[in-house]
Each structure stands twice: as structure tokens, then as C-alpha cells.
Amino acid sequence: MSMGYLVRQDAPVAWRGMMVVKALQQLLHEVDWGGLDMLVLDLPPGTGDTQLTIAQQVELDGVIIVSTPQDVALKDTLKGISMFQKMDINILGMVQNMSTFICPQCNHQTNIFGFKGARKACEEHNLHFLGDVPLHERICDDADRGKPTVAAEPGSQNADAFESIAKEVIGRLEASAIKT
């Protein structure tokens, strides 16, 4: 399910306050999700109405923080970490997106945006590092086709990155459930 299905393709989603709350309530309570083991919500960065509404209205088992390695992205990420900690919401860990560019011709790896930004933030804030997602054109192509990389190219280095992160998340969720 995507907000993209609810608005014209060229229309901006410039909603605040009650419009966001209403849309989220519909998404969470009126969509027939069937039997779910897990529901993942991909949210924009920051600490706005969307994040606050979900944190206040949904019983969360945990959140995953995603950031690119550069300092400017990490500044917004740190605000989100602070907000979830103040709300006593379990932060399962952090994923570093676009950590390494992998050339599709030669497979050479280049750290365009730096490399240790999210890892360093995890160390500084006592968070678990869940893994890296490379910057690779196939991941973008898979997303544009609406097919997850793990299904589009099983066994590939890109798919392995996502599968490794998923295993880390499941492990963290299981560990959290044991504690409660």
C-alpha cells in the first residue's frame, strides 16, 4: 500500500496535522492487511506529524532507523533517534543506506557518501548496527519495477544485504520479546 495510490501521480502530498492523522488512521485501520507477521512503514525522515501519530496510536515492537552515511543526513536521523528514545520506543537498530557504490561493469566499490556515518552514530548512541545497503543501479531498477531485490535477483550481493538486515531485525525482535 502506498500514498501514491491515493493521489495523482504528479500531485504533491503536502499534508499536515489532521490530514496526516486521518490518512494514517485509514491506512492502519481500513486497509485489509490480511494475516500479518510484520508491518513495515517507510516514513520520511524527521520528527513530524507522521512519526508522532504512529508512535502515539500504534503499539510498536520497534523502529528501524535508516540513514545515508553523510553528516547532513545523520543530523535528521539523530533527531528521530532522540524522539523515539524520549517516547520509550524500542530502536531495533540502524541501517546505512547507499553505503557503497558498486560499479555494475567492474564491481569496484566506492564510498561516495563516506562509509562510517551510521556505524559511528550507533556507537555514540548505543544502538545496534543492522547492516549496509549498497548504492547499485539494480536495486533502483528493482524498486522501479515494484519487485523487491530479494525476489528479483535472489542470491545476489544486493539481495544478500537485504536478507542479512532482515535476519538482524528478526533477531532483535525475538530478543525484545524474550525480555518482556
C-alpha atoms as a PDB file:
ATOM      1  CA  MET A   1       0.000   0.000   0.000  1.00  0.00           C
ATOM      2  CA  SER A   2       1.324   3.428  -0.838  1.00  0.00           C
ATOM      3  CA  MET A   3       0.234   7.029  -0.562  1.00  0.00           C
ATOM      4  CA  GLY A   4       0.960   7.070  -4.280  1.00  0.00           C
ATOM      5  CA  TYR A   5      -2.263   5.121  -4.843  1.00  0.00           C
ATOM      6  CA  LEU A   6      -4.315   7.805  -3.099  1.00  0.00           C
ATOM      7  CA  VAL A   7      -3.194  10.907  -5.010  1.00  0.00           C
ATOM      8  CA  ARG A   8      -2.495  11.777  -8.626  1.00  0.00           C
ATOM      9  CA  GLN A   9       0.987  10.794  -9.757  1.00  0.00           C
ATOM     10  CA  ASP A  10       2.064  14.417 -10.235  1.00  0.00           C
ATOM     11  CA  ALA A  11       0.352  15.744  -7.086  1.00  0.00           C
ATOM     12  CA  PRO A  12       2.431  16.640  -4.035  1.00  0.00           C
ATOM     13  CA  VAL A  13       1.430  15.197  -0.672  1.00  0.00           C
ATOM     14  CA  ALA A  14       1.669  18.392   1.363  1.00  0.00           C
ATOM     15  CA  TRP A  15      -0.401  17.284   4.327  1.00  0.00           C
ATOM     16  CA  ARG A  16      -0.058  18.300   7.943  1.00  0.00           C
ATOM     17  CA  GLY A  17      -1.935  17.852  11.175  1.00  0.00           C
ATOM     18  CA  MET A  18      -5.381  16.299  10.879  1.00  0.00           C
ATOM     19  CA  MET A  19      -4.937  15.337   7.205  1.00  0.00           C
ATOM     20  CA  VAL A  20      -1.936  13.189   8.122  1.00  0.00           C
ATOM     21  CA  VAL A  21      -3.710  11.700  11.129  1.00  0.00           C
ATOM     22  CA  LYS A  22      -6.783  10.793   9.063  1.00  0.00           C
ATOM     23  CA  ALA A  23      -4.726   9.241   6.269  1.00  0.00           C
ATOM     24  CA  LEU A  24      -2.717   7.184   8.764  1.00  0.00           C
ATOM     25  CA  GLN A  25      -5.852   6.005  10.545  1.00  0.00           C
ATOM     26  CA  GLN A  26      -7.272   4.856   7.210  1.00  0.00           C
ATOM     27  CA  LEU A  27      -4.020   3.145   6.277  1.00  0.00           C
ATOM     28  CA  LEU A  28      -3.757   1.335   9.584  1.00  0.00           C
ATOM     29  CA  HIS A  29      -7.401   0.529  10.274  1.00  0.00           C
ATOM     30  CA  GLU A  30      -9.247   0.398   6.949  1.00  0.00           C
ATOM     31  CA  VAL A  31      -6.813  -1.474   4.722  1.00  0.00           C
ATOM     32  CA  ASP A  32      -7.353  -5.237   4.751  1.00  0.00           C
ATOM     33  CA  TRP A  33      -3.826  -6.337   5.577  1.00  0.00           C
ATOM     34  CA  GLY A  34      -4.790  -9.984   5.993  1.00  0.00           C
ATOM     35  CA  GLY A  35      -2.753 -12.015   8.460  1.00  0.00           C
ATOM     36  CA  LEU A  36       0.492 -10.173   9.084  1.00  0.00           C
ATOM     37  CA  ASP A  37       3.599 -11.293  10.894  1.00  0.00           C
ATOM     38  CA  MET A  38       5.103  -7.852  10.484  1.00  0.00           C
ATOM     39  CA  LEU A  39       4.084  -4.461   9.102  1.00  0.00           C
ATOM     40  CA  VAL A  40       6.866  -2.187   7.900  1.00  0.00           C
ATOM     41  CA  LEU A  41       6.130   1.508   7.398  1.00  0.00           C
ATOM     42  CA  ASP A  42       8.612   3.505   5.348  1.00  0.00           C
ATOM     43  CA  LEU A  43       8.462   7.033   6.732  1.00  0.00           C
ATOM     44  CA  PRO A  44      10.099  10.260   5.658  1.00  0.00           C
ATOM     45  CA  PRO A  45      12.977  11.455   7.832  1.00  0.00           C
ATOM     46  CA  GLY A  46      12.315  13.734  10.744  1.00  0.00           C
ATOM     47  CA  THR A  47      10.071  14.058  13.761  1.00  0.00           C
ATOM     48  CA  GLY A  48       6.871  15.405  12.248  1.00  0.00           C
ATOM     49  CA  ASP A  49       3.168  14.603  12.407  1.00  0.00           C
ATOM     50  CA  THR A  50       3.547  11.231  10.687  1.00  0.00           C
ATOM     51  CA  GLN A  51       6.085   9.838  13.131  1.00  0.00           C
ATOM     52  CA  LEU A  52       4.342  11.264  16.182  1.00  0.00           C
ATOM     53  CA  THR A  53       0.928   9.932  15.130  1.00  0.00           C
ATOM     54  CA  ILE A  54       2.233   6.432  14.547  1.00  0.00           C
ATOM     55  CA  ALA A  55       4.219   6.446  17.776  1.00  0.00           C
ATOM     56  CA  GLN A  56       1.148   7.564  19.732  1.00  0.00           C
ATOM     57  CA  GLN A  57      -1.511   5.413  18.051  1.00  0.00           C
ATOM     58  CA  VAL A  58       0.227   2.140  17.205  1.00  0.00           C
ATOM     59  CA  GLU A  59       1.712  -0.398  19.573  1.00  0.00           C
ATOM     60  CA  LEU A  60       5.190  -0.674  18.117  1.00  0.00           C
ATOM     61  CA  ASP A  61       7.545  -3.577  18.722  1.00  0.00           C
ATOM     62  CA  GLY A  62      10.349  -1.392  17.467  1.00  0.00           C
ATOM     63  CA  VAL A  63      11.618   1.051  14.908  1.00  0.00           C
ATOM     64  CA  ILE A  64      14.495   0.845  12.456  1.00  0.00           C
ATOM     65  CA  ILE A  65      16.427   3.996  11.728  1.00  0.00           C
ATOM     66  CA  VAL A  66      17.751   4.331   8.166  1.00  0.00           C
ATOM     67  CA  SER A  67      20.290   6.927   7.085  1.00  0.00           C
ATOM     68  CA  THR A  68      22.869   7.549   4.442  1.00  0.00           C
ATOM     69  CA  PRO A  69      26.425   7.962   5.733  1.00  0.00           C
ATOM     70  CA  GLN A  70      26.868  11.711   5.249  1.00  0.00           C
ATOM     71  CA  ASP A  71      26.680  14.145   8.150  1.00  0.00           C
ATOM     72  CA  VAL A  72      23.754  16.194   6.800  1.00  0.00           C
ATOM     73  CA  ALA A  73      21.522  13.106   6.663  1.00  0.00           C
ATOM     74  CA  LEU A  74      22.647  11.945  10.086  1.00  0.00           C
ATOM     75  CA  LYS A  75      21.529  15.219  11.684  1.00  0.00           C
ATOM     76  CA  ASP A  76      17.861  14.451  10.869  1.00  0.00           C
ATOM     77  CA  THR A  77      18.409  10.841  11.850  1.00  0.00           C
ATOM     78  CA  LEU A  78      19.706  11.833  15.285  1.00  0.00           C
ATOM     79  CA  LYS A  79      16.555  13.880  15.895  1.00  0.00           C
ATOM     80  CA  GLY A  80      14.468  10.807  15.143  1.00  0.00           C
ATOM     81  CA  ILE A  81      16.586   8.693  17.480  1.00  0.00           C
ATOM     82  CA  SER A  82      16.124  11.259  20.236  1.00  0.00           C
ATOM     83  CA  MET A  83      12.356  11.416  19.704  1.00  0.00           C
ATOM     84  CA  PHE A  84      11.904   7.626  19.812  1.00  0.00           C
ATOM     85  CA  GLN A  85      14.113   7.360  22.902  1.00  0.00           C
ATOM     86  CA  LYS A  86      12.107  10.070  24.689  1.00  0.00           C
ATOM     87  CA  MET A  87       8.899   8.216  23.787  1.00  0.00           C
ATOM     88  CA  ASP A  88      10.434   4.980  25.160  1.00  0.00           C
ATOM     89  CA  ILE A  89      10.079   3.198  21.811  1.00  0.00           C
ATOM     90  CA  ASN A  90      12.445   0.322  21.171  1.00  0.00           C
ATOM     91  CA  ILE A  91      15.010   1.216  18.494  1.00  0.00           C
ATOM     92  CA  LEU A  92      15.922  -2.114  16.928  1.00  0.00           C
ATOM     93  CA  GLY A  93      18.943  -0.613  15.244  1.00  0.00           C
ATOM     94  CA  MET A  94      20.187   1.380  12.317  1.00  0.00           C
ATOM     95  CA  VAL A  95      20.661   0.642   8.613  1.00  0.00           C
ATOM     96  CA  GLN A  96      23.135   2.554   6.485  1.00  0.00           C
ATOM     97  CA  ASN A  97      21.633   3.092   3.021  1.00  0.00           C
ATOM     98  CA  MET A  98      23.714   3.888  -0.060  1.00  0.00           C
ATOM     99  CA  SER A  99      26.810   2.962   1.899  1.00  0.00           C
ATOM    100  CA  THR A 100      28.897   1.909  -1.071  1.00  0.00           C
ATOM    101  CA  PHE A 101      28.533   2.444  -4.817  1.00  0.00           C
ATOM    102  CA  ILE A 102      29.149  -0.783  -6.691  1.00  0.00           C
ATOM    103  CA  CYS A 103      30.081  -0.271 -10.330  1.00  0.00           C
ATOM    104  CA  PRO A 104      27.851  -2.515 -12.483  1.00  0.00           C
ATOM    105  CA  GLN A 105      30.647  -3.061 -15.012  1.00  0.00           C
ATOM    106  CA  CYS A 106      33.607  -3.957 -12.811  1.00  0.00           C
ATOM    107  CA  ASN A 107      32.067  -4.357  -9.312  1.00  0.00           C
ATOM    108  CA  HIS A 108      34.560  -1.842  -7.885  1.00  0.00           C
ATOM    109  CA  GLN A 109      33.274  -0.341  -4.629  1.00  0.00           C
ATOM    110  CA  THR A 110      33.469   3.395  -3.898  1.00  0.00           C
ATOM    111  CA  ASN A 111      32.246   5.141  -0.729  1.00  0.00           C
ATOM    112  CA  ILE A 112      30.713   8.183  -2.410  1.00  0.00           C
ATOM    113  CA  PHE A 113      28.935   9.459   0.706  1.00  0.00           C
ATOM    114  CA  GLY A 114      31.510   8.310   3.240  1.00  0.00           C
ATOM    115  CA  PHE A 115      31.247   4.978   4.973  1.00  0.00           C
ATOM    116  CA  LYS A 116      31.089   5.019   8.751  1.00  0.00           C
ATOM    117  CA  GLY A 117      28.414   7.637   9.442  1.00  0.00           C
ATOM    118  CA  ALA A 118      25.679   5.295  10.669  1.00  0.00           C
ATOM    119  CA  ARG A 119      28.162   2.961  12.340  1.00  0.00           C
ATOM    120  CA  LYS A 120      29.615   5.885  14.280  1.00  0.00           C
ATOM    121  CA  ALA A 121      26.128   7.100  15.254  1.00  0.00           C
ATOM    122  CA  CYS A 122      25.319   3.608  16.550  1.00  0.00           C
ATOM    123  CA  GLU A 123      28.421   3.599  18.709  1.00  0.00           C
ATOM    124  CA  GLU A 124      27.700   7.090  20.057  1.00  0.00           C
ATOM    125  CA  HIS A 125      24.050   6.320  20.879  1.00  0.00           C
ATOM    126  CA  ASN A 126      24.440   2.711  21.989  1.00  0.00           C
ATOM    127  CA  LEU A 127      22.401   1.335  19.073  1.00  0.00           C
ATOM    128  CA  HIS A 128      22.754  -1.913  17.177  1.00  0.00           C
ATOM    129  CA  PHE A 129      24.090  -1.617  13.617  1.00  0.00           C
ATOM    130  CA  LEU A 130      21.850  -3.741  11.373  1.00  0.00           C
ATOM    131  CA  GLY A 131      23.770  -3.528   8.105  1.00  0.00           C
ATOM    132  CA  ASP A 132      24.620  -1.722   4.904  1.00  0.00           C
ATOM    133  CA  VAL A 133      22.586  -1.362   1.704  1.00  0.00           C
ATOM    134  CA  PRO A 134      24.767  -0.611  -1.318  1.00  0.00           C
ATOM    135  CA  LEU A 135      24.049   2.036  -3.930  1.00  0.00           C
ATOM    136  CA  HIS A 136      23.539  -0.113  -7.015  1.00  0.00           C
ATOM    137  CA  GLU A 137      21.544   0.519 -10.160  1.00  0.00           C
ATOM    138  CA  ARG A 138      19.842  -2.883  -9.966  1.00  0.00           C
ATOM    139  CA  ILE A 139      18.311  -2.008  -6.585  1.00  0.00           C
ATOM    140  CA  CYS A 140      16.871   1.149  -8.182  1.00  0.00           C
ATOM    141  CA  ASP A 141      15.643  -0.806 -11.223  1.00  0.00           C
ATOM    142  CA  ASP A 142      14.024  -3.434  -8.989  1.00  0.00           C
ATOM    143  CA  ALA A 143      12.225  -0.734  -6.989  1.00  0.00           C
ATOM    144  CA  ASP A 144      11.014   0.984 -10.167  1.00  0.00           C
ATOM    145  CA  ARG A 145       9.555  -2.337 -11.343  1.00  0.00           C
ATOM    146  CA  GLY A 146       7.896  -2.872  -7.963  1.00  0.00           C
ATOM    147  CA  LYS A 147       9.839  -6.055  -7.309  1.00  0.00           C
ATOM    148  CA  PRO A 148      11.915  -6.485  -4.144  1.00  0.00           C
ATOM    149  CA  THR A 149      15.588  -7.136  -4.863  1.00  0.00           C
ATOM    150  CA  VAL A 150      15.498 -10.395  -2.895  1.00  0.00           C
ATOM    151  CA  ALA A 151      12.851 -11.680  -5.348  1.00  0.00           C
ATOM    152  CA  ALA A 152      14.262 -10.045  -8.487  1.00  0.00           C
ATOM    153  CA  GLU A 153      17.814 -11.288  -8.053  1.00  0.00           C
ATOM    154  CA  PRO A 154      17.941 -13.981  -5.363  1.00  0.00           C
ATOM    155  CA  GLY A 155      21.418 -14.951  -4.230  1.00  0.00           C
ATOM    156  CA  SER A 156      22.964 -11.711  -5.476  1.00  0.00           C
ATOM    157  CA  GLN A 157      25.184  -9.476  -3.339  1.00  0.00           C
ATOM    158  CA  ASN A 158      22.351  -6.909  -3.248  1.00  0.00           C
ATOM    159  CA  ALA A 159      19.773  -9.460  -2.113  1.00  0.00           C
ATOM    160  CA  ASP A 160      22.207 -10.791   0.484  1.00  0.00           C
ATOM    161  CA  ALA A 161      22.481  -7.304   2.001  1.00  0.00           C
ATOM    162  CA  PHE A 162      18.701  -7.083   2.487  1.00  0.00           C
ATOM    163  CA  GLU A 163      18.425 -10.653   3.765  1.00  0.00           C
ATOM    164  CA  SER A 164      21.196 -10.067   6.286  1.00  0.00           C
ATOM    165  CA  ILE A 165      19.437  -6.949   7.604  1.00  0.00           C
ATOM    166  CA  ALA A 166      16.114  -8.823   7.800  1.00  0.00           C
ATOM    167  CA  LYS A 167      17.755 -11.579   9.864  1.00  0.00           C
ATOM    168  CA  GLU A 168      19.251  -8.973  12.198  1.00  0.00           C
ATOM    169  CA  VAL A 169      15.835  -7.313  12.635  1.00  0.00           C
ATOM    170  CA  ILE A 170      14.117 -10.618  13.368  1.00  0.00           C
ATOM    171  CA  GLY A 171      16.826 -11.468  15.889  1.00  0.00           C
ATOM    172  CA  ARG A 172      16.391  -8.112  17.605  1.00  0.00           C
ATOM    173  CA  LEU A 173      12.592  -8.547  17.703  1.00  0.00           C
ATOM    174  CA  GLU A 174      12.934 -12.024  19.175  1.00  0.00           C
ATOM    175  CA  ALA A 175      15.394 -10.743  21.783  1.00  0.00           C
ATOM    176  CA  SER A 176      12.991  -7.917  22.679  1.00  0.00           C
ATOM    177  CA  ALA A 177      10.095 -10.372  23.049  1.00  0.00           C
ATOM    178  CA  ILE A 178      12.143 -12.540  25.439  1.00  0.00           C
ATOM    179  CA  LYS A 179      12.837  -9.526  27.669  1.00  0.00           C
ATOM    180  CA  THR A 180       9.153  -8.620  28.041  1.00  0.00           C
END
